[in-house]
PDB file of N, CA and C in Angstrom:
ATOM      1  N   MET A   1     -51.226  86.714 -26.523  1.00  0.00           N
ATOM      2  CA  MET A   1     -50.280  87.249 -25.558  1.00  0.00           C
ATOM      3  C   MET A   1     -50.658  88.685 -25.215  1.00  0.00           C
ATOM      4  N   VAL A   2     -50.555  89.034 -23.944  1.00  0.00           N
ATOM      5  CA  VAL A   2     -50.932  90.361 -23.480  1.00  0.00           C
ATOM      6  C   VAL A   2     -49.712  91.270 -23.497  1.00  0.00           C
ATOM      7  N   GLU A   3     -49.906  92.475 -24.048  1.00  0.00           N
ATOM      8  CA  GLU A   3     -48.811  93.436 -24.078  1.00  0.00           C
ATOM      9  C   GLU A   3     -48.455  93.849 -22.661  1.00  0.00           C
ATOM     10  N   GLU A   4     -47.174  94.064 -22.419  1.00  0.00           N
ATOM     11  CA  GLU A   4     -46.729  94.469 -21.096  1.00  0.00           C
ATOM     12  C   GLU A   4     -47.374  95.793 -20.715  1.00  0.00           C
ATOM     13  N   GLY A   5     -47.861  95.871 -19.489  1.00  0.00           N
ATOM     14  CA  GLY A   5     -48.487  97.093 -19.010  1.00  0.00           C
ATOM     15  C   GLY A   5     -49.971  97.192 -19.319  1.00  0.00           C
ATOM     16  N   ARG A   6     -50.493  96.275 -20.108  1.00  0.00           N
ATOM     17  CA  ARG A   6     -51.914  96.309 -20.447  1.00  0.00           C
ATOM     18  C   ARG A   6     -52.697  95.614 -19.343  1.00  0.00           C
ATOM     19  N   ARG A   7     -53.754  96.245 -18.897  1.00  0.00           N
ATOM     20  CA  ARG A   7     -54.548  95.696 -17.805  1.00  0.00           C
ATOM     21  C   ARG A   7     -55.448  94.574 -18.279  1.00  0.00           C
ATOM     22  N   LEU A   8     -55.705  93.658 -17.363  1.00  0.00           N
ATOM     23  CA  LEU A   8     -56.593  92.538 -17.654  1.00  0.00           C
ATOM     24  C   LEU A   8     -57.910  92.712 -16.920  1.00  0.00           C
ATOM     25  N   ILE A   9     -58.949  92.177 -17.518  1.00  0.00           N
ATOM     26  CA  ILE A   9     -60.243  92.091 -16.861  1.00  0.00           C
ATOM     27  C   ILE A   9     -60.614  90.614 -16.784  1.00  0.00           C
ATOM     28  N   ARG A  10     -61.519  90.284 -15.891  1.00  0.00           N
ATOM     29  CA  ARG A  10     -61.962  88.898 -15.750  1.00  0.00           C
ATOM     30  C   ARG A  10     -63.420  88.815 -16.168  1.00  0.00           C
ATOM     31  N   VAL A  11     -63.703  87.876 -17.076  1.00  0.00           N
ATOM     32  CA  VAL A  11     -65.077  87.645 -17.522  1.00  0.00           C
ATOM     33  C   VAL A  11     -65.425  86.180 -17.321  1.00  0.00           C
ATOM     34  N   LYS A  12     -66.700  85.949 -17.148  1.00  0.00           N
ATOM     35  CA  LYS A  12     -67.227  84.585 -17.027  1.00  0.00           C
ATOM     36  C   LYS A  12     -67.934  84.263 -18.327  1.00  0.00           C
ATOM     37  N   VAL A  13     -67.548  83.158 -18.938  1.00  0.00           N
ATOM     38  CA  VAL A  13     -68.175  82.716 -20.184  1.00  0.00           C
ATOM     39  C   VAL A  13     -68.996  81.466 -19.876  1.00  0.00           C
ATOM     40  N   VAL A  14     -70.257  81.495 -20.283  1.00  0.00           N
ATOM     41  CA  VAL A  14     -71.142  80.351 -20.095  1.00  0.00           C
ATOM     42  C   VAL A  14     -71.464  79.786 -21.472  1.00  0.00           C
ATOM     43  N   PHE A  15     -71.186  78.504 -21.667  1.00  0.00           N
ATOM     44  CA  PHE A  15     -71.484  77.823 -22.921  1.00  0.00           C
ATOM     45  C   PHE A  15     -72.773  77.030 -22.735  1.00  0.00           C
ATOM     46  N   LEU A  16     -73.739  77.237 -23.610  1.00  0.00           N
ATOM     47  CA  LEU A  16     -75.007  76.515 -23.526  1.00  0.00           C
ATOM     48  C   LEU A  16     -75.146  75.524 -24.674  1.00  0.00           C
ATOM     49  N   GLY A  17     -75.906  74.455 -24.421  1.00  0.00           N
ATOM     50  CA  GLY A  17     -76.238  73.485 -25.466  1.00  0.00           C
ATOM     51  C   GLY A  17     -75.024  72.835 -26.082  1.00  0.00           C
ATOM     52  N   ILE A  18     -75.049  72.760 -27.407  1.00  0.00           N
ATOM     53  CA  ILE A  18     -73.985  72.080 -28.140  1.00  0.00           C
ATOM     54  C   ILE A  18     -72.620  72.740 -27.925  1.00  0.00           C
ATOM     55  N   LEU A  19     -72.610  74.046 -27.626  1.00  0.00           N
ATOM     56  CA  LEU A  19     -71.325  74.720 -27.401  1.00  0.00           C
ATOM     57  C   LEU A  19     -70.636  74.194 -26.145  1.00  0.00           C
ATOM     58  N   ALA A  20     -71.409  73.793 -25.146  1.00  0.00           N
ATOM     59  CA  ALA A  20     -70.829  73.163 -23.951  1.00  0.00           C
ATOM     60  C   ALA A  20     -70.226  71.806 -24.322  1.00  0.00           C
ATOM     61  N   ASP A  21     -70.917  71.074 -25.184  1.00  0.00           N
ATOM     62  CA  ASP A  21     -70.390  69.785 -25.641  1.00  0.00           C
ATOM     63  C   ASP A  21     -69.111  69.972 -26.452  1.00  0.00           C
ATOM     64  N   ILE A  22     -69.112  70.965 -27.312  1.00  0.00           N
ATOM     65  CA  ILE A  22     -67.970  71.213 -28.193  1.00  0.00           C
ATOM     66  C   ILE A  22     -66.724  71.615 -27.397  1.00  0.00           C
ATOM     67  N   THR A  23     -66.905  72.490 -26.403  1.00  0.00           N
ATOM     68  CA  THR A  23     -65.755  72.969 -25.628  1.00  0.00           C
ATOM     69  C   THR A  23     -65.415  72.052 -24.454  1.00  0.00           C
ATOM     70  N   GLY A  24     -66.355  71.176 -24.097  1.00  0.00           N
ATOM     71  CA  GLY A  24     -66.121  70.288 -22.969  1.00  0.00           C
ATOM     72  C   GLY A  24     -66.315  70.954 -21.624  1.00  0.00           C
ATOM     73  N   ARG A  25     -66.964  72.099 -21.623  1.00  0.00           N
ATOM     74  CA  ARG A  25     -67.222  72.806 -20.361  1.00  0.00           C
ATOM     75  C   ARG A  25     -68.451  73.691 -20.496  1.00  0.00           C
ATOM     76  N   SER A  26     -69.073  73.974 -19.377  1.00  0.00           N
ATOM     77  CA  SER A  26     -70.235  74.850 -19.415  1.00  0.00           C
ATOM     78  C   SER A  26     -69.891  76.258 -18.934  1.00  0.00           C
ATOM     79  N   ILE A  27     -68.820  76.376 -18.159  1.00  0.00           N
ATOM     80  CA  ILE A  27     -68.398  77.687 -17.649  1.00  0.00           C
ATOM     81  C   ILE A  27     -66.880  77.795 -17.753  1.00  0.00           C
ATOM     82  N   GLU A  28     -66.429  78.987 -18.111  1.00  0.00           N
ATOM     83  CA  GLU A  28     -64.993  79.255 -18.166  1.00  0.00           C
ATOM     84  C   GLU A  28     -64.754  80.687 -17.687  1.00  0.00           C
ATOM     85  N   ILE A  29     -63.808  80.845 -16.788  1.00  0.00           N
ATOM     86  CA  ILE A  29     -63.417  82.174 -16.314  1.00  0.00           C
ATOM     87  C   ILE A  29     -62.133  82.549 -17.048  1.00  0.00           C
ATOM     88  N   LEU A  30     -62.153  83.723 -17.683  1.00  0.00           N
ATOM     89  CA  LEU A  30     -60.994  84.154 -18.472  1.00  0.00           C
ATOM     90  C   LEU A  30     -60.506  85.527 -18.031  1.00  0.00           C
ATOM     91  N   ASP A  31     -59.196  85.701 -18.030  1.00  0.00           N
ATOM     92  CA  ASP A  31     -58.570  87.008 -17.878  1.00  0.00           C
ATOM     93  C   ASP A  31     -58.163  87.452 -19.274  1.00  0.00           C
ATOM     94  N   ILE A  32     -58.749  88.554 -19.714  1.00  0.00           N
ATOM     95  CA  ILE A  32     -58.516  89.058 -21.066  1.00  0.00           C
ATOM     96  C   ILE A  32     -58.118  90.534 -20.993  1.00  0.00           C
ATOM     97  N   PRO A  33     -57.487  91.048 -22.039  1.00  0.00           N
ATOM     98  CA  PRO A  33     -57.117  92.470 -22.023  1.00  0.00           C
ATOM     99  C   PRO A  33     -58.345  93.368 -21.937  1.00  0.00           C
ATOM    100  N   GLU A  34     -58.224  94.461 -21.177  1.00  0.00           N
ATOM    101  CA  GLU A  34     -59.343  95.395 -21.118  1.00  0.00           C
ATOM    102  C   GLU A  34     -59.584  95.958 -22.515  1.00  0.00           C
ATOM    103  N   ASN A  35     -60.795  96.373 -22.757  1.00  0.00           N
ATOM    104  CA  ASN A  35     -61.254  96.870 -24.065  1.00  0.00           C
ATOM    105  C   ASN A  35     -61.394  95.764 -25.101  1.00  0.00           C
ATOM    106  N   THR A  36     -61.458  94.512 -24.649  1.00  0.00           N
ATOM    107  CA  THR A  36     -61.707  93.398 -25.566  1.00  0.00           C
ATOM    108  C   THR A  36     -63.172  93.426 -25.983  1.00  0.00           C
ATOM    109  N   SER A  37     -63.416  93.244 -27.270  1.00  0.00           N
ATOM    110  CA  SER A  37     -64.793  93.203 -27.787  1.00  0.00           C
ATOM    111  C   SER A  37     -65.316  91.768 -27.731  1.00  0.00           C
ATOM    112  N   VAL A  38     -66.623  91.637 -27.888  1.00  0.00           N
ATOM    113  CA  VAL A  38     -67.240  90.310 -27.948  1.00  0.00           C
ATOM    114  C   VAL A  38     -66.615  89.510 -29.088  1.00  0.00           C
ATOM    115  N   ASP A  39     -66.427  90.140 -30.236  1.00  0.00           N
ATOM    116  CA  ASP A  39     -65.841  89.465 -31.387  1.00  0.00           C
ATOM    117  C   ASP A  39     -64.431  88.957 -31.066  1.00  0.00           C
ATOM    118  N   SER A  40     -63.639  89.775 -30.381  1.00  0.00           N
ATOM    119  CA  SER A  40     -62.284  89.355 -29.997  1.00  0.00           C
ATOM    120  C   SER A  40     -62.324  88.227 -28.979  1.00  0.00           C
ATOM    121  N   LEU A  41     -63.306  88.262 -28.069  1.00  0.00           N
ATOM    122  CA  LEU A  41     -63.450  87.174 -27.107  1.00  0.00           C
ATOM    123  C   LEU A  41     -63.739  85.860 -27.817  1.00  0.00           C
ATOM    124  N   ILE A  42     -64.611  85.898 -28.806  1.00  0.00           N
ATOM    125  CA  ILE A  42     -64.924  84.685 -29.562  1.00  0.00           C
ATOM    126  C   ILE A  42     -63.671  84.179 -30.281  1.00  0.00           C
ATOM    127  N   ALA A  43     -62.850  85.085 -30.796  1.00  0.00           N
ATOM    128  CA  ALA A  43     -61.589  84.686 -31.436  1.00  0.00           C
ATOM    129  C   ALA A  43     -60.639  84.043 -30.417  1.00  0.00           C
ATOM    130  N   ILE A  44     -60.560  84.610 -29.216  1.00  0.00           N
ATOM    131  CA  ILE A  44     -59.715  84.039 -28.159  1.00  0.00           C
ATOM    132  C   ILE A  44     -60.190  82.636 -27.812  1.00  0.00           C
ATOM    133  N   LEU A  45     -61.516  82.483 -27.666  1.00  0.00           N
ATOM    134  CA  LEU A  45     -62.078  81.169 -27.332  1.00  0.00           C
ATOM    135  C   LEU A  45     -61.860  80.160 -28.457  1.00  0.00           C
ATOM    136  N   SER A  46     -61.964  80.616 -29.693  1.00  0.00           N
ATOM    137  CA  SER A  46     -61.751  79.732 -30.840  1.00  0.00           C
ATOM    138  C   SER A  46     -60.307  79.268 -30.920  1.00  0.00           C
ATOM    139  N   GLU A  47     -59.392  80.143 -30.534  1.00  0.00           N
ATOM    140  CA  GLU A  47     -57.973  79.774 -30.521  1.00  0.00           C
ATOM    141  C   GLU A  47     -57.697  78.768 -29.397  1.00  0.00           C
ATOM    142  N   LYS A  48     -58.357  78.959 -28.282  1.00  0.00           N
ATOM    143  CA  LYS A  48     -58.162  78.079 -27.122  1.00  0.00           C
ATOM    144  C   LYS A  48     -58.813  76.715 -27.314  1.00  0.00           C
ATOM    145  N   HIS A  49     -59.967  76.691 -27.970  1.00  0.00           N
ATOM    146  CA  HIS A  49     -60.727  75.456 -28.185  1.00  0.00           C
ATOM    147  C   HIS A  49     -60.805  75.186 -29.685  1.00  0.00           C
ATOM    148  N   SER A  50     -59.920  74.348 -30.199  1.00  0.00           N
ATOM    149  CA  SER A  50     -59.892  74.085 -31.641  1.00  0.00           C
ATOM    150  C   SER A  50     -61.216  73.505 -32.139  1.00  0.00           C
ATOM    151  N   SER A  51     -61.904  72.755 -31.282  1.00  0.00           N
ATOM    152  CA  SER A  51     -63.199  72.192 -31.688  1.00  0.00           C
ATOM    153  C   SER A  51     -64.234  73.297 -31.914  1.00  0.00           C
ATOM    154  N   LEU A  52     -64.154  74.379 -31.138  1.00  0.00           N
ATOM    155  CA  LEU A  52     -65.056  75.518 -31.339  1.00  0.00           C
ATOM    156  C   LEU A  52     -64.710  76.219 -32.649  1.00  0.00           C
ATOM    157  N   PHE A  53     -63.420  76.378 -32.911  1.00  0.00           N
ATOM    158  CA  PHE A  53     -62.977  76.979 -34.169  1.00  0.00           C
ATOM    159  C   PHE A  53     -63.511  76.179 -35.359  1.00  0.00           C
ATOM    160  N   ASP A  54     -63.373  74.847 -35.274  1.00  0.00           N
ATOM    161  CA  ASP A  54     -63.849  73.981 -36.358  1.00  0.00           C
ATOM    162  C   ASP A  54     -65.352  74.136 -36.553  1.00  0.00           C
ATOM    163  N   TRP A  55     -66.105  74.152 -35.455  1.00  0.00           N
ATOM    164  CA  TRP A  55     -67.566  74.268 -35.540  1.00  0.00           C
ATOM    165  C   TRP A  55     -67.969  75.617 -36.134  1.00  0.00           C
ATOM    166  N   LEU A  56     -67.348  76.712 -35.657  1.00  0.00           N
ATOM    167  CA  LEU A  56     -67.684  78.050 -36.155  1.00  0.00           C
ATOM    168  C   LEU A  56     -67.304  78.231 -37.622  1.00  0.00           C
ATOM    169  N   SER A  57     -66.294  77.490 -38.087  1.00  0.00           N
ATOM    170  CA  SER A  57     -65.926  77.601 -39.499  1.00  0.00           C
ATOM    171  C   SER A  57     -66.999  76.969 -40.393  1.00  0.00           C
ATOM    172  N   LYS A  58     -67.785  76.038 -39.835  1.00  0.00           N
ATOM    173  CA  LYS A  58     -68.865  75.401 -40.595  1.00  0.00           C
ATOM    174  C   LYS A  58     -70.213  76.062 -40.347  1.00  0.00           C
ATOM    175  N   VAL A  59     -70.442  76.472 -39.106  1.00  0.00           N
ATOM    176  CA  VAL A  59     -71.714  77.083 -38.706  1.00  0.00           C
ATOM    177  C   VAL A  59     -71.389  78.378 -37.966  1.00  0.00           C
ATOM    178  N   PRO A  60     -71.184  79.471 -38.708  1.00  0.00           N
ATOM    179  CA  PRO A  60     -70.701  80.700 -38.067  1.00  0.00           C
ATOM    180  C   PRO A  60     -71.776  81.506 -37.339  1.00  0.00           C
ATOM    181  N   LEU A  61     -72.782  80.819 -36.822  1.00  0.00           N
ATOM    182  CA  LEU A  61     -73.858  81.506 -36.107  1.00  0.00           C
ATOM    183  C   LEU A  61     -73.744  81.229 -34.618  1.00  0.00           C
ATOM    184  N   ILE A  62     -73.766  82.282 -33.838  1.00  0.00           N
ATOM    185  CA  ILE A  62     -73.687  82.135 -32.396  1.00  0.00           C
ATOM    186  C   ILE A  62     -74.487  83.269 -31.759  1.00  0.00           C
ATOM    187  N   GLN A  63     -75.283  82.926 -30.773  1.00  0.00           N
ATOM    188  CA  GLN A  63     -76.079  83.899 -30.027  1.00  0.00           C
ATOM    189  C   GLN A  63     -75.260  84.342 -28.824  1.00  0.00           C
ATOM    190  N   VAL A  64     -75.186  85.645 -28.584  1.00  0.00           N
ATOM    191  CA  VAL A  64     -74.376  86.172 -27.494  1.00  0.00           C
ATOM    192  C   VAL A  64     -75.228  87.086 -26.615  1.00  0.00           C
ATOM    193  N   SER A  65     -75.104  86.904 -25.305  1.00  0.00           N
ATOM    194  CA  SER A  65     -75.685  87.883 -24.390  1.00  0.00           C
ATOM    195  C   SER A  65     -74.625  88.257 -23.368  1.00  0.00           C
ATOM    196  N   VAL A  66     -74.661  89.516 -22.960  1.00  0.00           N
ATOM    197  CA  VAL A  66     -73.729  90.024 -21.959  1.00  0.00           C
ATOM    198  C   VAL A  66     -74.561  90.540 -20.798  1.00  0.00           C
ATOM    199  N   ASN A  67     -74.344  89.947 -19.645  1.00  0.00           N
ATOM    200  CA  ASN A  67     -75.095  90.320 -18.439  1.00  0.00           C
ATOM    201  C   ASN A  67     -76.602  90.253 -18.661  1.00  0.00           C
ATOM    202  N   GLY A  68     -77.042  89.224 -19.383  1.00  0.00           N
ATOM    203  CA  GLY A  68     -78.467  88.992 -19.592  1.00  0.00           C
ATOM    204  C   GLY A  68     -79.101  89.778 -20.722  1.00  0.00           C
ATOM    205  N   VAL A  69     -78.323  90.544 -21.459  1.00  0.00           N
ATOM    206  CA  VAL A  69     -78.852  91.354 -22.563  1.00  0.00           C
ATOM    207  C   VAL A  69     -78.291  90.816 -23.877  1.00  0.00           C
ATOM    208  N   ASP A  70     -79.195  90.485 -24.818  1.00  0.00           N
ATOM    209  CA  ASP A  70     -78.744  90.002 -26.123  1.00  0.00           C
ATOM    210  C   ASP A  70     -77.901  91.066 -26.813  1.00  0.00           C
ATOM    211  N   VAL A  71     -76.796  90.625 -27.395  1.00  0.00           N
ATOM    212  CA  VAL A  71     -75.878  91.528 -28.078  1.00  0.00           C
ATOM    213  C   VAL A  71     -76.100  91.390 -29.576  1.00  0.00           C
ATOM    214  N   THR A  72     -76.404  92.491 -30.232  1.00  0.00           N
ATOM    215  CA  THR A  72     -76.625  92.454 -31.675  1.00  0.00           C
ATOM    216  C   THR A  72     -75.382  92.866 -32.448  1.00  0.00           C
ATOM    217  N   SER A  73     -74.445  93.537 -31.775  1.00  0.00           N
ATOM    218  CA  SER A  73     -73.193  93.941 -32.404  1.00  0.00           C
ATOM    219  C   SER A  73     -72.035  93.316 -31.638  1.00  0.00           C
ATOM    220  N   ARG A  74     -71.158  92.675 -32.354  1.00  0.00           N
ATOM    221  CA  ARG A  74     -70.004  92.046 -31.694  1.00  0.00           C
ATOM    222  C   ARG A  74     -68.901  93.051 -31.379  1.00  0.00           C
ATOM    223  N   ASP A  75     -69.154  94.333 -31.658  1.00  0.00           N
ATOM    224  CA  ASP A  75     -68.194  95.383 -31.323  1.00  0.00           C
ATOM    225  C   ASP A  75     -68.320  95.821 -29.868  1.00  0.00           C
ATOM    226  N   VAL A  76     -69.311  95.282 -29.143  1.00  0.00           N
ATOM    227  CA  VAL A  76     -69.529  95.650 -27.746  1.00  0.00           C
ATOM    228  C   VAL A  76     -68.266  95.343 -26.933  1.00  0.00           C
ATOM    229  N   THR A  77     -67.832  96.312 -26.140  1.00  0.00           N
ATOM    230  CA  THR A  77     -66.641  96.152 -25.308  1.00  0.00           C
ATOM    231  C   THR A  77     -67.026  95.502 -23.986  1.00  0.00           C
ATOM    232  N   LEU A  78     -66.236  94.534 -23.576  1.00  0.00           N
ATOM    233  CA  LEU A  78     -66.483  93.834 -22.322  1.00  0.00           C
ATOM    234  C   LEU A  78     -65.799  94.546 -21.169  1.00  0.00           C
ATOM    235  N   HIS A  79     -66.374  94.357 -19.973  1.00  0.00           N
ATOM    236  CA  HIS A  79     -65.852  94.991 -18.768  1.00  0.00           C
ATOM    237  C   HIS A  79     -65.609  93.947 -17.692  1.00  0.00           C
ATOM    238  N   ASN A  80     -64.793  94.299 -16.713  1.00  0.00           N
ATOM    239  CA  ASN A  80     -64.479  93.399 -15.616  1.00  0.00           C
ATOM    240  C   ASN A  80     -65.762  92.918 -14.939  1.00  0.00           C
ATOM    241  N   GLY A  81     -65.862  91.604 -14.759  1.00  0.00           N
ATOM    242  CA  GLY A  81     -67.013  91.030 -14.087  1.00  0.00           C
ATOM    243  C   GLY A  81     -68.174  90.673 -14.996  1.00  0.00           C
ATOM    244  N   ASP A  82     -68.076  90.965 -16.287  1.00  0.00           N
ATOM    245  CA  ASP A  82     -69.167  90.642 -17.213  1.00  0.00           C
ATOM    246  C   ASP A  82     -69.369  89.137 -17.315  1.00  0.00           C
ATOM    247  N   GLU A  83     -70.634  88.748 -17.523  1.00  0.00           N
ATOM    248  CA  GLU A  83     -70.967  87.358 -17.815  1.00  0.00           C
ATOM    249  C   GLU A  83     -71.425  87.290 -19.264  1.00  0.00           C
ATOM    250  N   VAL A  84     -70.730  86.493 -20.044  1.00  0.00           N
ATOM    251  CA  VAL A  84     -71.025  86.341 -21.463  1.00  0.00           C
ATOM    252  C   VAL A  84     -71.596  84.945 -21.672  1.00  0.00           C
ATOM    253  N   VAL A  85     -72.807  84.881 -22.219  1.00  0.00           N
ATOM    254  CA  VAL A  85     -73.444  83.592 -22.487  1.00  0.00           C
ATOM    255  C   VAL A  85     -73.423  83.357 -23.990  1.00  0.00           C
ATOM    256  N   LEU A  86     -72.900  82.204 -24.388  1.00  0.00           N
ATOM    257  CA  LEU A  86     -72.827  81.828 -25.797  1.00  0.00           C
ATOM    258  C   LEU A  86     -73.726  80.622 -26.036  1.00  0.00           C
ATOM    259  N   SER A  87     -74.546  80.717 -27.067  1.00  0.00           N
ATOM    260  CA  SER A  87     -75.430  79.606 -27.422  1.00  0.00           C
ATOM    261  C   SER A  87     -75.673  79.634 -28.921  1.00  0.00           C
ATOM    262  N   THR A  88     -76.292  78.580 -29.403  1.00  0.00           N
ATOM    263  CA  THR A  88     -76.666  78.569 -30.819  1.00  0.00           C
ATOM    264  C   THR A  88     -78.004  79.298 -30.950  1.00  0.00           C
ATOM    265  N   PRO A  89     -78.249  79.937 -32.091  1.00  0.00           N
ATOM    266  CA  PRO A  89     -79.508  80.644 -32.288  1.00  0.00           C
ATOM    267  C   PRO A  89     -80.697  79.676 -32.266  1.00  0.00           C
ATOM    268  N   LEU A  90     -81.798  80.155 -31.745  1.00  0.00           N
ATOM    269  CA  LEU A  90     -83.024  79.376 -31.736  1.00  0.00           C
ATOM    270  C   LEU A  90     -83.876  79.781 -32.936  1.00  0.00           C
ATOM    271  N   TYR A  91     -84.421  78.803 -33.590  1.00  0.00           N
ATOM    272  CA  TYR A  91     -85.259  79.065 -34.756  1.00  0.00           C
ATOM    273  C   TYR A  91     -86.669  78.580 -34.485  1.00  0.00           C
ATOM    274  N   GLU A  92     -87.655  79.284 -35.025  1.00  0.00           N
ATOM    275  CA  GLU A  92     -89.033  78.855 -34.925  1.00  0.00           C
ATOM    276  C   GLU A  92     -89.555  78.564 -36.316  1.00  0.00           C
ATOM    277  N   GLY A  93     -90.585  77.784 -36.354  1.00  0.00           N
ATOM    278  CA  GLY A  93     -91.208  77.494 -37.653  1.00  0.00           C
ATOM    279  C   GLY A  93     -90.583  76.311 -38.325  1.00  0.00           C
ATOM    280  N   GLY A  94     -90.928  76.101 -39.551  1.00  0.00           N
ATOM    281  CA  GLY A  94     -90.381  74.945 -40.211  1.00  0.00           C
ATOM    282  C   GLY A  94     -90.622  75.028 -41.636  1.00  0.00           C
TER     283      GLY A  94
END
């Protein structure tokens, strides 16, 4: 729930690979409170999609990029119009 008087921003979330299967969608547009971090966005999405919550509780690894740049810290603050891409990490070798 958004506090009264708190401004909202709009972000586009793109789910790739198995995350699209888990959430049942490849793109989602969300209005979230300004100053929301990547970590908070993932929590919002997990609350909205119980299947994502279940998956993350077993496999807590997720690759995140914001506007085409890989994010190494989930403390990054999102801004209006940002595109957030979520995918599973890619591994090489065997």
